[in-house]
N, C-alpha and C. Protein backbone atom coordinates (compact mmCIF):
# COMPACT_ATOMS: atom_id res chain seq x y z
N ALA A 1 -75.83 -79.81 -38.83
CA ALA A 1 -76.73 -80.90 -39.21
C ALA A 1 -77.76 -80.36 -40.18
N GLY A 2 -78.23 -81.23 -40.99
CA GLY A 2 -79.25 -80.85 -41.95
C GLY A 2 -80.44 -81.77 -41.87
N ILE A 3 -81.27 -81.70 -42.88
CA ILE A 3 -82.43 -82.57 -42.94
C ILE A 3 -81.96 -83.98 -43.27
N GLN A 4 -82.40 -84.94 -42.50
CA GLN A 4 -82.07 -86.33 -42.77
C GLN A 4 -82.95 -86.83 -43.90
N ASN A 5 -82.32 -87.36 -44.92
CA ASN A 5 -83.05 -87.87 -46.08
C ASN A 5 -83.29 -89.36 -45.87
N ARG A 6 -84.25 -89.67 -45.04
CA ARG A 6 -84.53 -91.05 -44.66
C ARG A 6 -85.09 -91.85 -45.83
N LYS A 7 -84.61 -93.06 -45.98
CA LYS A 7 -85.07 -94.04 -46.96
C LYS A 7 -84.73 -93.69 -48.41
N LYS A 8 -84.10 -92.55 -48.65
CA LYS A 8 -83.74 -92.18 -50.03
C LYS A 8 -82.38 -91.49 -50.04
N SER A 9 -81.36 -92.15 -49.50
CA SER A 9 -80.04 -91.52 -49.43
C SER A 9 -79.47 -91.24 -50.81
N TYR A 10 -79.95 -91.94 -51.83
CA TYR A 10 -79.49 -91.68 -53.19
C TYR A 10 -79.95 -90.31 -53.68
N GLN A 11 -80.87 -89.68 -52.98
CA GLN A 11 -81.33 -88.33 -53.32
C GLN A 11 -80.63 -87.28 -52.46
N ASP A 12 -79.46 -87.59 -51.97
CA ASP A 12 -78.77 -86.68 -51.06
C ASP A 12 -78.52 -85.33 -51.69
N GLY A 13 -78.33 -85.30 -53.00
CA GLY A 13 -78.10 -84.03 -53.68
C GLY A 13 -76.64 -83.70 -53.87
N VAL A 14 -75.76 -84.42 -53.19
CA VAL A 14 -74.32 -84.15 -53.31
C VAL A 14 -73.79 -84.89 -54.53
N TYR A 15 -72.91 -84.23 -55.27
CA TYR A 15 -72.32 -84.81 -56.47
C TYR A 15 -71.66 -86.14 -56.11
N GLY A 16 -71.97 -87.15 -56.87
CA GLY A 16 -71.44 -88.49 -56.60
C GLY A 16 -72.56 -89.43 -56.16
N THR A 17 -73.53 -88.91 -55.42
CA THR A 17 -74.70 -89.72 -55.05
C THR A 17 -75.89 -89.36 -55.93
N THR A 18 -75.87 -88.17 -56.50
CA THR A 18 -76.94 -87.70 -57.37
C THR A 18 -76.30 -87.00 -58.57
N CYS A 19 -76.82 -87.25 -59.76
CA CYS A 19 -76.32 -86.54 -60.93
C CYS A 19 -76.76 -85.08 -60.85
N PRO A 20 -75.93 -84.16 -61.37
CA PRO A 20 -76.33 -82.75 -61.36
C PRO A 20 -77.62 -82.54 -62.17
N ILE A 21 -78.37 -81.54 -61.78
CA ILE A 21 -79.58 -81.17 -62.51
C ILE A 21 -79.13 -80.32 -63.69
N PRO A 22 -79.42 -80.73 -64.93
CA PRO A 22 -78.96 -79.96 -66.10
C PRO A 22 -79.54 -78.55 -66.12
N PRO A 23 -78.81 -77.60 -66.71
CA PRO A 23 -79.32 -76.23 -66.83
C PRO A 23 -80.69 -76.22 -67.52
N GLY A 24 -81.59 -75.42 -66.99
CA GLY A 24 -82.92 -75.29 -67.56
C GLY A 24 -83.88 -76.41 -67.20
N LYS A 25 -83.42 -77.37 -66.43
CA LYS A 25 -84.27 -78.50 -66.02
C LYS A 25 -84.59 -78.38 -64.54
N ASN A 26 -85.45 -79.25 -64.05
CA ASN A 26 -85.78 -79.25 -62.62
C ASN A 26 -85.83 -80.68 -62.12
N TYR A 27 -85.90 -80.80 -60.81
CA TYR A 27 -85.94 -82.11 -60.16
C TYR A 27 -86.72 -81.94 -58.87
N THR A 28 -87.58 -82.86 -58.58
CA THR A 28 -88.37 -82.80 -57.35
C THR A 28 -87.83 -83.82 -56.35
N TYR A 29 -87.46 -83.33 -55.18
CA TYR A 29 -87.02 -84.21 -54.10
C TYR A 29 -88.23 -84.60 -53.28
N ALA A 30 -88.34 -85.88 -52.96
CA ALA A 30 -89.41 -86.37 -52.09
C ALA A 30 -88.75 -86.83 -50.79
N LEU A 31 -88.95 -86.06 -49.73
CA LEU A 31 -88.29 -86.34 -48.45
C LEU A 31 -89.31 -86.74 -47.40
N GLN A 32 -88.89 -87.63 -46.52
CA GLN A 32 -89.69 -87.93 -45.33
C GLN A 32 -89.10 -87.10 -44.20
N VAL A 33 -89.80 -86.06 -43.80
CA VAL A 33 -89.26 -85.12 -42.80
C VAL A 33 -89.98 -85.23 -41.46
N LYS A 34 -90.70 -86.29 -41.27
CA LYS A 34 -91.46 -86.49 -40.04
C LYS A 34 -90.59 -86.22 -38.81
N ASP A 35 -91.06 -85.33 -37.96
CA ASP A 35 -90.42 -84.99 -36.69
C ASP A 35 -89.05 -84.32 -36.83
N GLN A 36 -88.73 -83.81 -38.00
CA GLN A 36 -87.50 -83.03 -38.18
C GLN A 36 -87.88 -81.55 -38.17
N ILE A 37 -88.43 -81.13 -37.07
CA ILE A 37 -88.99 -79.80 -36.92
C ILE A 37 -87.87 -78.76 -36.89
N GLY A 38 -88.04 -77.67 -37.62
CA GLY A 38 -87.06 -76.61 -37.52
C GLY A 38 -86.90 -75.80 -38.79
N SER A 39 -85.81 -75.04 -38.81
CA SER A 39 -85.49 -74.14 -39.91
C SER A 39 -84.22 -74.62 -40.59
N PHE A 40 -84.25 -74.66 -41.90
CA PHE A 40 -83.12 -75.12 -42.68
C PHE A 40 -83.01 -74.22 -43.91
N TYR A 41 -81.93 -74.37 -44.66
CA TYR A 41 -81.87 -73.71 -45.96
C TYR A 41 -81.18 -74.64 -46.94
N TYR A 42 -81.48 -74.45 -48.21
CA TYR A 42 -80.90 -75.29 -49.26
C TYR A 42 -79.96 -74.44 -50.11
N PHE A 43 -79.01 -75.12 -50.76
CA PHE A 43 -78.13 -74.47 -51.72
C PHE A 43 -77.54 -75.53 -52.64
N PRO A 44 -77.19 -75.16 -53.87
CA PRO A 44 -76.58 -76.12 -54.79
C PRO A 44 -75.14 -76.40 -54.40
N SER A 45 -74.69 -77.62 -54.68
CA SER A 45 -73.33 -78.03 -54.30
C SER A 45 -72.30 -77.82 -55.40
N LEU A 46 -72.73 -77.57 -56.61
CA LEU A 46 -71.80 -77.44 -57.73
C LEU A 46 -71.85 -76.05 -58.34
N GLY A 47 -70.79 -75.72 -59.08
CA GLY A 47 -70.79 -74.52 -59.90
C GLY A 47 -70.78 -73.20 -59.15
N PHE A 48 -70.61 -73.25 -57.83
CA PHE A 48 -70.58 -72.03 -57.03
C PHE A 48 -71.86 -71.21 -57.20
N HIS A 49 -72.96 -71.91 -57.49
CA HIS A 49 -74.24 -71.22 -57.72
C HIS A 49 -74.78 -70.56 -56.46
N LYS A 50 -74.31 -70.99 -55.30
CA LYS A 50 -74.74 -70.33 -54.06
C LYS A 50 -74.34 -68.85 -54.11
N ALA A 51 -73.19 -68.56 -54.71
CA ALA A 51 -72.71 -67.17 -54.82
C ALA A 51 -73.59 -66.34 -55.75
N ALA A 52 -74.34 -67.01 -56.62
CA ALA A 52 -75.23 -66.30 -57.54
C ALA A 52 -76.65 -66.20 -56.99
N GLY A 53 -76.83 -66.58 -55.73
CA GLY A 53 -78.15 -66.47 -55.11
C GLY A 53 -78.96 -67.75 -55.12
N GLY A 54 -78.30 -68.87 -55.40
CA GLY A 54 -79.00 -70.16 -55.43
C GLY A 54 -79.17 -70.74 -54.03
N PHE A 55 -80.08 -70.21 -53.27
CA PHE A 55 -80.36 -70.73 -51.93
C PHE A 55 -81.74 -70.26 -51.51
N GLY A 56 -82.26 -70.88 -50.48
CA GLY A 56 -83.57 -70.47 -49.96
C GLY A 56 -83.87 -71.17 -48.65
N GLY A 57 -84.87 -70.69 -47.97
CA GLY A 57 -85.23 -71.23 -46.67
C GLY A 57 -86.20 -72.39 -46.77
N ILE A 58 -86.11 -73.29 -45.80
CA ILE A 58 -87.04 -74.42 -45.67
C ILE A 58 -87.55 -74.43 -44.24
N ARG A 59 -88.86 -74.49 -44.08
CA ARG A 59 -89.48 -74.61 -42.75
C ARG A 59 -90.15 -75.96 -42.64
N ILE A 60 -89.89 -76.64 -41.55
CA ILE A 60 -90.61 -77.87 -41.26
C ILE A 60 -91.37 -77.63 -39.97
N SER A 61 -92.68 -77.57 -40.08
CA SER A 61 -93.53 -77.28 -38.93
C SER A 61 -93.83 -78.54 -38.14
N SER A 62 -94.18 -78.35 -36.88
CA SER A 62 -94.55 -79.49 -36.05
C SER A 62 -95.95 -79.96 -36.42
N ARG A 63 -96.18 -81.23 -36.21
CA ARG A 63 -97.52 -81.78 -36.41
C ARG A 63 -98.39 -81.31 -35.25
N PRO A 64 -99.69 -81.22 -35.44
CA PRO A 64 -100.57 -80.81 -34.34
C PRO A 64 -100.41 -81.69 -33.10
N LEU A 65 -99.98 -82.93 -33.30
CA LEU A 65 -99.77 -83.87 -32.20
C LEU A 65 -98.64 -83.42 -31.28
N ILE A 66 -97.70 -82.62 -31.84
CA ILE A 66 -96.54 -82.16 -31.07
C ILE A 66 -96.72 -80.67 -30.82
N PRO A 67 -97.12 -80.27 -29.62
CA PRO A 67 -97.35 -78.85 -29.35
C PRO A 67 -96.04 -78.06 -29.28
N LEU A 68 -96.12 -76.79 -29.63
CA LEU A 68 -94.98 -75.90 -29.47
C LEU A 68 -94.73 -75.68 -27.99
N PRO A 69 -93.46 -75.50 -27.59
CA PRO A 69 -93.17 -75.26 -26.17
C PRO A 69 -93.36 -73.80 -25.76
N PHE A 70 -94.07 -73.03 -26.58
CA PHE A 70 -94.33 -71.62 -26.30
C PHE A 70 -95.62 -71.23 -27.01
N PRO A 71 -96.22 -70.12 -26.61
CA PRO A 71 -97.46 -69.69 -27.30
C PRO A 71 -97.19 -69.41 -28.78
N PRO A 72 -98.16 -69.64 -29.63
CA PRO A 72 -97.95 -69.37 -31.06
C PRO A 72 -97.55 -67.91 -31.28
N PRO A 73 -96.53 -67.66 -32.11
CA PRO A 73 -96.11 -66.28 -32.37
C PRO A 73 -97.12 -65.55 -33.26
N ALA A 74 -97.07 -64.22 -33.21
CA ALA A 74 -97.94 -63.40 -34.05
C ALA A 74 -97.60 -63.58 -35.53
N ASP A 75 -96.32 -63.83 -35.81
CA ASP A 75 -95.88 -64.09 -37.18
C ASP A 75 -94.57 -64.84 -37.13
N ASP A 76 -94.18 -65.36 -38.27
CA ASP A 76 -93.02 -66.24 -38.39
C ASP A 76 -92.23 -65.80 -39.62
N TYR A 77 -91.00 -65.34 -39.43
CA TYR A 77 -90.20 -64.81 -40.53
C TYR A 77 -88.96 -65.67 -40.78
N THR A 78 -88.66 -65.90 -42.05
CA THR A 78 -87.39 -66.49 -42.44
C THR A 78 -86.47 -65.33 -42.78
N VAL A 79 -85.29 -65.30 -42.16
CA VAL A 79 -84.32 -64.23 -42.37
C VAL A 79 -83.03 -64.86 -42.89
N LEU A 80 -82.71 -64.61 -44.16
CA LEU A 80 -81.50 -65.15 -44.79
C LEU A 80 -80.49 -64.03 -44.92
N ILE A 81 -79.36 -64.18 -44.23
CA ILE A 81 -78.32 -63.15 -44.20
C ILE A 81 -77.05 -63.72 -44.81
N GLY A 82 -76.42 -62.95 -45.68
CA GLY A 82 -75.18 -63.45 -46.27
C GLY A 82 -74.34 -62.36 -46.89
N ASP A 83 -73.07 -62.71 -47.10
CA ASP A 83 -72.16 -61.78 -47.77
C ASP A 83 -72.54 -61.68 -49.25
N TRP A 84 -72.21 -60.54 -49.85
CA TRP A 84 -72.61 -60.25 -51.22
C TRP A 84 -71.39 -59.80 -52.01
N PHE A 85 -71.21 -60.41 -53.16
CA PHE A 85 -70.11 -60.06 -54.05
C PHE A 85 -70.69 -59.55 -55.37
N THR A 86 -70.17 -58.41 -55.85
CA THR A 86 -70.63 -57.91 -57.14
C THR A 86 -69.92 -58.64 -58.28
N THR A 87 -68.80 -59.29 -57.97
CA THR A 87 -68.08 -60.08 -58.96
C THR A 87 -68.93 -61.30 -59.35
N ASN A 88 -68.95 -61.63 -60.62
CA ASN A 88 -69.68 -62.78 -61.13
C ASN A 88 -69.25 -64.06 -60.41
N HIS A 89 -70.20 -64.94 -60.12
CA HIS A 89 -69.88 -66.17 -59.38
C HIS A 89 -68.89 -67.06 -60.12
N LYS A 90 -68.89 -67.01 -61.45
CA LYS A 90 -67.93 -67.82 -62.22
C LYS A 90 -66.51 -67.29 -62.04
N ALA A 91 -66.36 -65.97 -61.97
CA ALA A 91 -65.04 -65.38 -61.73
C ALA A 91 -64.55 -65.69 -60.31
N LEU A 92 -65.46 -65.67 -59.35
CA LEU A 92 -65.09 -66.02 -57.97
C LEU A 92 -64.63 -67.47 -57.89
N ARG A 93 -65.35 -68.35 -58.57
CA ARG A 93 -64.97 -69.77 -58.56
C ARG A 93 -63.61 -69.96 -59.22
N ALA A 94 -63.37 -69.28 -60.34
CA ALA A 94 -62.08 -69.39 -61.02
C ALA A 94 -60.95 -68.94 -60.11
N GLN A 95 -61.19 -67.90 -59.34
CA GLN A 95 -60.19 -67.40 -58.40
C GLN A 95 -59.84 -68.48 -57.37
N LEU A 96 -60.84 -69.16 -56.85
CA LEU A 96 -60.60 -70.24 -55.88
C LEU A 96 -59.93 -71.44 -56.55
N ASP A 97 -60.37 -71.79 -57.76
CA ASP A 97 -59.79 -72.93 -58.48
C ASP A 97 -58.31 -72.71 -58.78
N ASN A 98 -57.90 -71.45 -58.91
CA ASN A 98 -56.49 -71.12 -59.17
C ASN A 98 -55.68 -70.93 -57.90
N GLY A 99 -56.24 -71.32 -56.75
CA GLY A 99 -55.50 -71.26 -55.49
C GLY A 99 -55.64 -69.95 -54.75
N GLY A 100 -56.45 -69.04 -55.25
CA GLY A 100 -56.64 -67.76 -54.59
C GLY A 100 -57.67 -67.84 -53.48
N LYS A 101 -57.89 -66.71 -52.86
CA LYS A 101 -58.89 -66.59 -51.80
C LYS A 101 -60.01 -65.67 -52.27
N LEU A 102 -61.15 -65.80 -51.63
CA LEU A 102 -62.23 -64.87 -51.93
C LEU A 102 -61.86 -63.48 -51.42
N PRO A 103 -62.21 -62.44 -52.16
CA PRO A 103 -61.99 -61.09 -51.66
C PRO A 103 -62.98 -60.79 -50.54
N LEU A 104 -62.81 -59.65 -49.91
CA LEU A 104 -63.82 -59.21 -48.95
C LEU A 104 -65.12 -58.97 -49.70
N PRO A 105 -66.25 -59.25 -49.09
CA PRO A 105 -67.52 -59.04 -49.80
C PRO A 105 -67.77 -57.55 -50.03
N ASP A 106 -68.61 -57.27 -51.01
CA ASP A 106 -68.99 -55.89 -51.32
C ASP A 106 -70.09 -55.38 -50.41
N GLY A 107 -70.72 -56.29 -49.70
CA GLY A 107 -71.79 -55.89 -48.79
C GLY A 107 -72.43 -57.10 -48.14
N ILE A 108 -73.50 -56.85 -47.45
CA ILE A 108 -74.28 -57.88 -46.78
C ILE A 108 -75.72 -57.78 -47.28
N LEU A 109 -76.33 -58.90 -47.56
CA LEU A 109 -77.73 -58.92 -47.97
C LEU A 109 -78.58 -59.57 -46.89
N ILE A 110 -79.74 -59.01 -46.63
CA ILE A 110 -80.74 -59.60 -45.75
C ILE A 110 -81.97 -59.84 -46.60
N ASN A 111 -82.32 -61.10 -46.77
CA ASN A 111 -83.43 -61.50 -47.65
C ASN A 111 -83.30 -60.87 -49.04
N GLY A 112 -82.07 -60.89 -49.55
CA GLY A 112 -81.81 -60.41 -50.90
C GLY A 112 -81.71 -58.91 -51.06
N ARG A 113 -81.77 -58.16 -49.97
CA ARG A 113 -81.72 -56.69 -50.04
C ARG A 113 -80.47 -56.17 -49.34
N SER A 114 -79.86 -55.18 -49.95
CA SER A 114 -78.69 -54.55 -49.33
C SER A 114 -79.10 -53.53 -48.28
N SER A 115 -80.31 -53.03 -48.37
CA SER A 115 -80.85 -52.14 -47.34
C SER A 115 -82.37 -52.21 -47.41
N GLY A 116 -82.98 -51.86 -46.34
CA GLY A 116 -84.43 -51.79 -46.34
C GLY A 116 -85.16 -53.11 -46.13
N ALA A 117 -84.47 -54.12 -45.59
CA ALA A 117 -85.18 -55.36 -45.26
C ALA A 117 -86.16 -55.05 -44.13
N ILE A 118 -87.42 -55.34 -44.34
CA ILE A 118 -88.47 -54.94 -43.40
C ILE A 118 -89.18 -56.16 -42.84
N LEU A 119 -89.34 -56.17 -41.53
CA LEU A 119 -90.18 -57.15 -40.84
C LEU A 119 -91.28 -56.35 -40.17
N ASN A 120 -92.51 -56.59 -40.55
CA ASN A 120 -93.63 -55.85 -39.96
C ASN A 120 -93.99 -56.45 -38.60
N ILE A 121 -93.79 -55.64 -37.57
CA ILE A 121 -94.07 -56.10 -36.21
C ILE A 121 -94.90 -55.07 -35.47
N GLN A 122 -95.61 -55.52 -34.44
CA GLN A 122 -96.40 -54.63 -33.60
C GLN A 122 -95.95 -54.81 -32.16
N SER A 123 -95.88 -53.73 -31.46
CA SER A 123 -95.46 -53.74 -30.06
C SER A 123 -96.33 -54.69 -29.24
N GLY A 124 -95.69 -55.43 -28.35
CA GLY A 124 -96.40 -56.33 -27.45
C GLY A 124 -96.58 -57.74 -27.97
N ASN A 125 -96.28 -57.96 -29.24
CA ASN A 125 -96.42 -59.30 -29.82
C ASN A 125 -95.08 -60.03 -29.81
N THR A 126 -95.15 -61.34 -29.91
CA THR A 126 -93.96 -62.19 -30.01
C THR A 126 -93.87 -62.70 -31.45
N TYR A 127 -92.65 -62.71 -31.99
CA TYR A 127 -92.41 -63.15 -33.35
C TYR A 127 -91.31 -64.19 -33.36
N ARG A 128 -91.42 -65.12 -34.29
CA ARG A 128 -90.36 -66.12 -34.45
C ARG A 128 -89.54 -65.73 -35.68
N LEU A 129 -88.23 -65.65 -35.50
CA LEU A 129 -87.31 -65.36 -36.59
C LEU A 129 -86.48 -66.61 -36.86
N ARG A 130 -86.51 -67.08 -38.08
CA ARG A 130 -85.73 -68.25 -38.49
C ARG A 130 -84.53 -67.71 -39.26
N ILE A 131 -83.41 -67.55 -38.56
CA ILE A 131 -82.25 -66.86 -39.09
C ILE A 131 -81.22 -67.86 -39.60
N SER A 132 -80.75 -67.66 -40.83
CA SER A 132 -79.70 -68.51 -41.41
C SER A 132 -78.64 -67.63 -42.05
N ASN A 133 -77.37 -67.98 -41.83
CA ASN A 133 -76.27 -67.34 -42.54
C ASN A 133 -76.07 -68.11 -43.84
N VAL A 134 -76.43 -67.50 -44.96
CA VAL A 134 -76.30 -68.15 -46.27
C VAL A 134 -75.07 -67.64 -47.01
N GLY A 135 -74.16 -67.00 -46.29
CA GLY A 135 -72.97 -66.44 -46.90
C GLY A 135 -71.95 -67.49 -47.32
N LEU A 136 -70.92 -67.01 -48.00
CA LEU A 136 -69.88 -67.90 -48.51
C LEU A 136 -68.73 -68.09 -47.54
N GLN A 137 -68.35 -67.03 -46.82
CA GLN A 137 -67.14 -67.16 -46.02
C GLN A 137 -67.17 -66.44 -44.68
N ASN A 138 -68.09 -65.57 -44.45
CA ASN A 138 -68.02 -64.72 -43.27
C ASN A 138 -69.02 -65.10 -42.19
N SER A 139 -68.58 -65.02 -40.95
CA SER A 139 -69.49 -65.11 -39.81
C SER A 139 -70.15 -63.75 -39.67
N LEU A 140 -71.42 -63.74 -39.37
CA LEU A 140 -72.15 -62.48 -39.26
C LEU A 140 -72.87 -62.42 -37.93
N ASN A 141 -72.85 -61.26 -37.32
CA ASN A 141 -73.59 -61.03 -36.09
C ASN A 141 -74.94 -60.43 -36.44
N PHE A 142 -75.97 -60.84 -35.73
CA PHE A 142 -77.32 -60.36 -35.98
C PHE A 142 -77.86 -59.78 -34.68
N ARG A 143 -78.41 -58.59 -34.76
CA ARG A 143 -79.05 -58.00 -33.59
C ARG A 143 -80.19 -57.11 -34.03
N ILE A 144 -81.11 -56.92 -33.12
CA ILE A 144 -82.23 -56.02 -33.34
C ILE A 144 -82.11 -54.94 -32.29
N GLN A 145 -81.88 -53.73 -32.72
CA GLN A 145 -81.67 -52.64 -31.77
C GLN A 145 -82.97 -52.26 -31.07
N ILE A 146 -82.84 -51.99 -29.79
CA ILE A 146 -83.92 -51.50 -28.94
C ILE A 146 -85.09 -52.51 -28.84
N HIS A 147 -84.80 -53.79 -28.94
CA HIS A 147 -85.82 -54.83 -28.78
C HIS A 147 -85.21 -55.99 -28.02
N MET A 148 -86.04 -56.68 -27.26
CA MET A 148 -85.61 -57.88 -26.55
C MET A 148 -85.64 -59.05 -27.52
N MET A 149 -84.61 -59.89 -27.45
CA MET A 149 -84.59 -61.09 -28.28
C MET A 149 -84.26 -62.27 -27.39
N MET A 150 -85.09 -63.30 -27.43
CA MET A 150 -84.87 -64.49 -26.62
C MET A 150 -84.58 -65.66 -27.55
N LEU A 151 -83.53 -66.40 -27.22
CA LEU A 151 -83.19 -67.58 -28.02
C LEU A 151 -83.62 -68.82 -27.30
């Protein structure tokens, strides 16, 4: 499930309901996200641009009227994990368009880094991690060694 685009379904962003955004241009989406609390991520639907890094995290916080069901965390991190291909996204798309399959990825990226993704934490505190798999084809397991994690 994703963010419900209430009252503006014509802004769905999917080709056919919305015209593509031309290269070098921008478009502002105006969404009513009331009470759609949570973590989401966006990505383009055309041109295989997701493979070129066209994605990002979206946080929708609760209104003060709706309390969190837990104490406020010391910090709140968005963690975007995905497979990484060194092959150009246009070449990958051409491979799929010709009936081929994606090769195995060249690596895994965490927040755009192949190594050294850092979350600054202090012992005894609670942190919220908003984890999304932004990869193209692979399921990924996520764990934090020597730490308790509660879902």
